[in-house]
Amino acid sequence: MPYGGSSSSSLADILERVLDKGIVIAGDIRINLLDIELLTIKLRILIASVDKAKEMGIDWWEHDPSLSSRHTGSPLEQENRRLRAELEALRHDRVDEPPERSEDRGGSSGRPGRERP
C-alpha cells in the first residue's frame, strides 16, 4: 500500500492510541577508543498521557518546583526556612534586650565573688 493511501486510521487516532497505551524507546550510545570506554549515554524515553503515567506511578512533575505551582518545597527546604525564621527571631530578640549591668554579673570583673583591687 503506498504511503498516504487509503488508511482507516488517521494521525490523531494513532496518537490517541500511543498516549493511551504508552510507548517506550530505549537505546544506548557508547564511544570507545582502543577498547577503552570513554562515554556511555543511556536513553530511555516514555511517551504516554499524564493519566497513564500516573497509573504507572510516574508523577515527578507534580513535585518539581519549576513545573508545579502547588509545590511547596521538600521537607528539608521547609525545615530550612523554619530554622532561618527562628534564627532571625532570636537575633532580633537579642538586639532588643537591654545590656546586662555589671552588678547583675557579680561585680565589675564579671566573675562572682571576685573584686578588682
Protein backbone atom coordinates (compact mmCIF):
# COMPACT_ATOMS: atom_id res chain seq x y z
CA MET A 1 0.00 0.00 0.00
CA PRO A 2 1.55 3.36 -0.96
CA TYR A 3 2.30 5.98 1.69
CA GLY A 4 -0.73 8.13 2.44
CA GLY A 5 -3.07 5.64 0.80
CA SER A 6 -6.49 4.64 1.99
CA SER A 7 -5.60 4.10 5.62
CA SER A 8 -8.51 3.83 8.03
CA SER A 9 -6.56 5.34 10.94
CA SER A 10 -5.54 8.96 10.93
CA LEU A 11 -2.62 10.53 12.75
CA ALA A 12 -4.95 11.61 15.55
CA ASP A 13 -6.11 8.01 16.03
CA ILE A 14 -2.54 6.76 16.18
CA LEU A 15 -1.52 9.48 18.64
CA GLU A 16 -4.53 8.72 20.84
CA ARG A 17 -3.66 5.03 20.84
CA VAL A 18 0.02 5.69 21.69
CA LEU A 19 -0.86 8.07 24.52
CA ASP A 20 -3.47 5.67 25.89
CA LYS A 21 -1.18 2.64 25.92
CA GLY A 22 2.21 4.33 26.15
CA ILE A 23 5.38 3.61 24.23
CA VAL A 24 8.95 3.12 25.44
CA ILE A 25 12.02 3.86 23.35
CA ALA A 26 15.34 2.67 24.76
CA GLY A 27 18.85 2.87 23.40
CA ASP A 28 22.49 3.17 24.37
CA ILE A 29 25.28 5.18 22.77
CA ARG A 30 28.85 4.14 23.57
CA ILE A 31 32.04 5.83 22.47
CA ASN A 32 35.18 3.71 22.71
CA LEU A 33 38.78 4.45 21.84
CA LEU A 34 41.10 1.42 21.58
CA ASP A 35 38.75 -0.72 23.70
CA ILE A 36 38.57 1.99 26.38
CA GLU A 37 35.06 3.20 27.06
CA LEU A 38 35.10 6.98 27.04
CA LEU A 39 31.40 7.77 27.16
CA THR A 40 28.13 5.91 27.61
CA ILE A 41 24.77 7.57 27.15
CA LYS A 42 21.68 5.58 28.08
CA LEU A 43 18.47 6.88 26.56
CA ARG A 44 15.09 5.89 27.96
CA ILE A 45 12.06 7.68 26.56
CA LEU A 46 8.50 7.09 27.68
CA ILE A 47 5.67 8.64 25.70
CA ALA A 48 2.30 8.41 27.45
CA SER A 49 -0.60 10.53 28.62
CA VAL A 50 -0.49 12.10 32.07
CA ASP A 51 -3.22 9.75 33.27
CA LYS A 52 -1.33 6.69 32.01
CA ALA A 53 1.91 7.94 33.60
CA LYS A 54 0.17 8.44 36.96
CA GLU A 55 -1.33 4.97 36.62
CA MET A 56 2.25 3.64 36.26
CA GLY A 57 3.37 5.62 39.32
CA ILE A 58 5.22 8.36 37.47
CA ASP A 59 4.38 11.84 38.77
CA TRP A 60 7.69 13.67 39.16
CA TRP A 61 6.34 16.86 37.52
CA GLU A 62 3.96 17.37 40.47
CA HIS A 63 6.89 17.70 42.89
CA ASP A 64 9.22 19.76 40.69
CA PRO A 65 9.14 23.43 41.82
CA SER A 66 9.84 24.69 38.31
CA LEU A 67 6.89 22.74 36.85
CA SER A 68 4.20 22.84 39.54
CA SER A 69 2.59 25.84 41.22
CA ARG A 70 1.34 23.55 44.01
CA HIS A 71 4.87 22.54 45.01
CA THR A 72 5.71 23.83 48.50
CA GLY A 73 9.25 22.51 48.63
CA SER A 74 10.83 19.41 50.05
CA PRO A 75 10.65 18.76 53.80
CA LEU A 76 14.30 19.77 54.01
CA GLU A 77 13.60 23.13 52.32
CA GLN A 78 10.63 23.72 54.64
CA GLU A 79 12.71 22.96 57.73
CA ASN A 80 15.48 25.21 56.44
CA ARG A 81 13.03 28.11 56.04
CA ARG A 82 11.58 27.49 59.52
CA LEU A 83 15.04 27.38 61.14
CA ARG A 84 16.12 30.57 59.36
CA ALA A 85 12.99 32.34 60.62
CA GLU A 86 13.66 31.14 64.19
CA LEU A 87 17.29 32.26 63.96
CA GLU A 88 16.24 35.68 62.70
CA ALA A 89 13.71 35.99 65.55
CA LEU A 90 16.40 35.06 68.11
CA ARG A 91 18.78 37.63 66.65
CA HIS A 92 16.05 40.26 66.74
CA ASP A 93 15.23 39.44 70.40
CA ARG A 94 18.90 39.59 71.31
CA VAL A 95 19.30 43.07 69.83
CA ASP A 96 16.16 44.31 71.65
CA GLU A 97 17.29 43.07 75.10
CA PRO A 98 18.79 45.70 77.42
CA PRO A 99 22.51 45.16 78.16
CA GLU A 100 23.33 43.44 81.45
CA ARG A 101 24.52 45.66 84.26
CA SER A 102 27.81 44.86 85.93
CA GLU A 103 26.13 44.39 89.37
CA ASP A 104 23.93 41.67 87.87
CA ARG A 105 27.00 39.73 86.81
CA GLY A 106 28.56 39.73 90.26
CA GLY A 107 30.96 42.66 90.17
CA SER A 108 32.92 44.67 87.66
CA SER A 109 35.04 41.75 86.51
CA GLY A 110 32.00 39.72 85.60
CA ARG A 111 33.06 36.85 87.89
CA PRO A 112 31.08 36.27 91.05
CA GLY A 113 32.99 36.56 94.31
CA ARG A 114 36.00 38.40 92.85
CA GLU A 115 36.56 42.11 93.19
CA ARG A 116 39.21 44.14 91.47
CA PRO A 117 41.63 45.84 93.87
